[in-house]
Amino acid sequence: MAKDLNVTVLLDVYGQLLTEKQRFAIDMYYNEDLSLAEIAEEINISRQGVLASIKQGEKHLAEFEEQLGVVKRFRNINSHIARLTEILDKYDFAGKDEAAEIIGEISNEL
């Protein structure tokens, strides 16, 4: 099974909406890089049960993102911040430092 590392971002944002078993299995698989057998032993279920939990959890995470779009909006905001930072770096004008500070504050809040 190929790992989609985007799942880790979705897990950070929507993980609390999953069942405990799904959240734990996905976390162990993606973040701890454990095998299905290792996870199965840890939570005392079969390898197939672990795989089913991971697949179901991934499906739910994708559905949450499709419905809510939090990660997409976060990435768009970060992209706009990067573009604004590039523009600020090109020009020298009154208020540049203040604008850069505001952009930094916005970035820190994300």
C-alpha atoms as a PDB file:
ATOM      1  CA  MET A   1       0.000   0.000   0.000  1.00  0.00           C
ATOM      2  CA  ALA A   2       1.527   3.314  -1.098  1.00  0.00           C
ATOM      3  CA  LYS A   3       1.500   6.055   1.505  1.00  0.00           C
ATOM      4  CA  ASP A   4      -0.122   9.382   0.663  1.00  0.00           C
ATOM      5  CA  LEU A   5       1.598  11.809   2.997  1.00  0.00           C
ATOM      6  CA  ASN A   6      -1.252  14.269   2.500  1.00  0.00           C
ATOM      7  CA  VAL A   7      -3.149  11.978   4.887  1.00  0.00           C
ATOM      8  CA  THR A   8      -0.928  13.175   7.758  1.00  0.00           C
ATOM      9  CA  VAL A   9      -2.042  16.768   7.156  1.00  0.00           C
ATOM     10  CA  LEU A  10      -5.683  15.702   6.996  1.00  0.00           C
ATOM     11  CA  LEU A  11      -5.197  13.693  10.191  1.00  0.00           C
ATOM     12  CA  ASP A  12      -3.824  16.769  11.976  1.00  0.00           C
ATOM     13  CA  VAL A  13      -6.849  18.816  10.942  1.00  0.00           C
ATOM     14  CA  TYR A  14      -9.693  16.293  11.101  1.00  0.00           C
ATOM     15  CA  GLY A  15      -8.294  13.462  13.227  1.00  0.00           C
ATOM     16  CA  GLN A  16     -10.571  14.132  16.174  1.00  0.00           C
ATOM     17  CA  LEU A  17     -13.562  13.382  13.934  1.00  0.00           C
ATOM     18  CA  LEU A  18     -12.416   9.776  13.396  1.00  0.00           C
ATOM     19  CA  THR A  19     -12.976   6.857  15.703  1.00  0.00           C
ATOM     20  CA  GLU A  20     -10.179   6.264  18.184  1.00  0.00           C
ATOM     21  CA  LYS A  21      -9.196   3.044  16.395  1.00  0.00           C
ATOM     22  CA  GLN A  22      -9.044   4.752  12.983  1.00  0.00           C
ATOM     23  CA  ARG A  23      -7.080   7.710  14.345  1.00  0.00           C
ATOM     24  CA  PHE A  24      -4.628   5.453  16.172  1.00  0.00           C
ATOM     25  CA  ALA A  25      -4.108   3.126  13.186  1.00  0.00           C
ATOM     26  CA  ILE A  26      -3.537   5.992  10.757  1.00  0.00           C
ATOM     27  CA  ASP A  27      -1.209   7.774  13.175  1.00  0.00           C
ATOM     28  CA  MET A  28       0.854   4.644  13.754  1.00  0.00           C
ATOM     29  CA  TYR A  29       0.983   3.831  10.041  1.00  0.00           C
ATOM     30  CA  TYR A  30       1.848   7.290   8.723  1.00  0.00           C
ATOM     31  CA  ASN A  31       3.545   9.106  11.587  1.00  0.00           C
ATOM     32  CA  GLU A  32       5.261   6.224  13.379  1.00  0.00           C
ATOM     33  CA  ASP A  33       5.894   4.254  10.158  1.00  0.00           C
ATOM     34  CA  LEU A  34       4.771   0.985  11.727  1.00  0.00           C
ATOM     35  CA  SER A  35       3.766  -1.969   9.570  1.00  0.00           C
ATOM     36  CA  LEU A  36       0.233  -3.327   9.531  1.00  0.00           C
ATOM     37  CA  ALA A  37       1.441  -6.334  11.533  1.00  0.00           C
ATOM     38  CA  GLU A  38       3.036  -4.100  14.183  1.00  0.00           C
ATOM     39  CA  ILE A  39      -0.114  -2.015  14.494  1.00  0.00           C
ATOM     40  CA  ALA A  40      -2.263  -5.162  14.664  1.00  0.00           C
ATOM     41  CA  GLU A  41      -0.160  -6.461  17.527  1.00  0.00           C
ATOM     42  CA  GLU A  42      -0.317  -3.098  19.310  1.00  0.00           C
ATOM     43  CA  ILE A  43      -4.114  -2.809  19.224  1.00  0.00           C
ATOM     44  CA  ASN A  44      -4.851  -6.541  19.280  1.00  0.00           C
ATOM     45  CA  ILE A  45      -6.728  -6.895  15.993  1.00  0.00           C
ATOM     46  CA  SER A  46      -5.915  -8.628  12.698  1.00  0.00           C
ATOM     47  CA  ARG A  47      -3.771  -7.121   9.942  1.00  0.00           C
ATOM     48  CA  GLN A  48      -6.916  -7.011   7.802  1.00  0.00           C
ATOM     49  CA  GLY A  49      -8.709  -5.134  10.585  1.00  0.00           C
ATOM     50  CA  VAL A  50      -5.910  -2.571  10.709  1.00  0.00           C
ATOM     51  CA  LEU A  51      -5.993  -2.147   6.937  1.00  0.00           C
ATOM     52  CA  ALA A  52      -9.774  -1.712   7.020  1.00  0.00           C
ATOM     53  CA  SER A  53      -9.488   0.906   9.795  1.00  0.00           C
ATOM     54  CA  ILE A  54      -6.836   2.820   7.863  1.00  0.00           C
ATOM     55  CA  LYS A  55      -8.771   2.711   4.580  1.00  0.00           C
ATOM     56  CA  GLN A  56     -12.040   3.745   6.251  1.00  0.00           C
ATOM     57  CA  GLY A  57     -10.275   6.526   8.150  1.00  0.00           C
ATOM     58  CA  GLU A  58      -8.589   7.797   4.974  1.00  0.00           C
ATOM     59  CA  LYS A  59     -11.974   7.797   3.239  1.00  0.00           C
ATOM     60  CA  HIS A  60     -13.518   9.834   6.058  1.00  0.00           C
ATOM     61  CA  LEU A  61     -10.610  12.292   6.101  1.00  0.00           C
ATOM     62  CA  ALA A  62     -10.979  12.869   2.348  1.00  0.00           C
ATOM     63  CA  GLU A  63     -14.738  13.365   2.765  1.00  0.00           C
ATOM     64  CA  PHE A  64     -14.215  15.885   5.579  1.00  0.00           C
ATOM     65  CA  GLU A  65     -11.787  17.854   3.420  1.00  0.00           C
ATOM     66  CA  GLU A  66     -14.125  17.703   0.429  1.00  0.00           C
ATOM     67  CA  GLN A  67     -16.989  19.043   2.539  1.00  0.00           C
ATOM     68  CA  LEU A  68     -15.097  21.581   4.664  1.00  0.00           C
ATOM     69  CA  GLY A  69     -11.993  22.466   2.643  1.00  0.00           C
ATOM     70  CA  VAL A  70      -9.935  23.595   5.650  1.00  0.00           C
ATOM     71  CA  VAL A  71      -6.626  22.263   4.311  1.00  0.00           C
ATOM     72  CA  LYS A  72      -7.239  23.726   0.852  1.00  0.00           C
ATOM     73  CA  ARG A  73      -7.985  27.150   2.339  1.00  0.00           C
ATOM     74  CA  PHE A  74      -4.919  26.915   4.588  1.00  0.00           C
ATOM     75  CA  ARG A  75      -2.704  26.117   1.604  1.00  0.00           C
ATOM     76  CA  ASN A  76      -4.230  28.947  -0.440  1.00  0.00           C
ATOM     77  CA  ILE A  77      -3.625  31.440   2.363  1.00  0.00           C
ATOM     78  CA  ASN A  78      -0.022  30.265   2.713  1.00  0.00           C
ATOM     79  CA  SER A  79       0.455  30.675  -1.035  1.00  0.00           C
ATOM     80  CA  HIS A  80      -0.888  34.241  -0.906  1.00  0.00           C
ATOM     81  CA  ILE A  81       1.352  35.048   2.050  1.00  0.00           C
ATOM     82  CA  ALA A  82       4.382  33.751   0.130  1.00  0.00           C
ATOM     83  CA  ARG A  83       3.456  35.910  -2.871  1.00  0.00           C
ATOM     84  CA  LEU A  84       3.009  38.988  -0.676  1.00  0.00           C
ATOM     85  CA  THR A  85       6.362  38.344   0.972  1.00  0.00           C
ATOM     86  CA  GLU A  86       8.038  38.135  -2.461  1.00  0.00           C
ATOM     87  CA  ILE A  87       6.464  41.453  -3.468  1.00  0.00           C
ATOM     88  CA  LEU A  88       7.590  43.101  -0.236  1.00  0.00           C
ATOM     89  CA  ASP A  89      11.127  41.888  -0.816  1.00  0.00           C
ATOM     90  CA  LYS A  90      11.222  43.540  -4.258  1.00  0.00           C
ATOM     91  CA  TYR A  91      10.178  47.039  -3.229  1.00  0.00           C
ATOM     92  CA  ASP A  92      11.267  49.627  -0.737  1.00  0.00           C
ATOM     93  CA  PHE A  93       8.419  51.827   0.514  1.00  0.00           C
ATOM     94  CA  ALA A  94       7.181  53.525   3.633  1.00  0.00           C
ATOM     95  CA  GLY A  95       5.376  51.002   5.786  1.00  0.00           C
ATOM     96  CA  LYS A  96       7.234  47.989   4.359  1.00  0.00           C
ATOM     97  CA  ASP A  97       8.400  46.886   7.804  1.00  0.00           C
ATOM     98  CA  GLU A  98       4.906  47.206   9.221  1.00  0.00           C
ATOM     99  CA  ALA A  99       3.435  45.238   6.304  1.00  0.00           C
ATOM    100  CA  ALA A 100       6.052  42.522   6.770  1.00  0.00           C
ATOM    101  CA  GLU A 101       5.236  42.377  10.480  1.00  0.00           C
ATOM    102  CA  ILE A 102       1.523  41.966   9.757  1.00  0.00           C
ATOM    103  CA  ILE A 103       2.243  39.186   7.258  1.00  0.00           C
ATOM    104  CA  GLY A 104       4.398  37.489   9.895  1.00  0.00           C
ATOM    105  CA  GLU A 105       1.595  37.723  12.445  1.00  0.00           C
ATOM    106  CA  ILE A 106      -0.880  36.198   9.990  1.00  0.00           C
ATOM    107  CA  SER A 107       1.559  33.380   9.195  1.00  0.00           C
ATOM    108  CA  ASN A 108       2.042  32.654  12.897  1.00  0.00           C
ATOM    109  CA  GLU A 109      -1.702  32.400  13.442  1.00  0.00           C
ATOM    110  CA  LEU A 110      -1.991  29.701  10.793  1.00  0.00           C
END
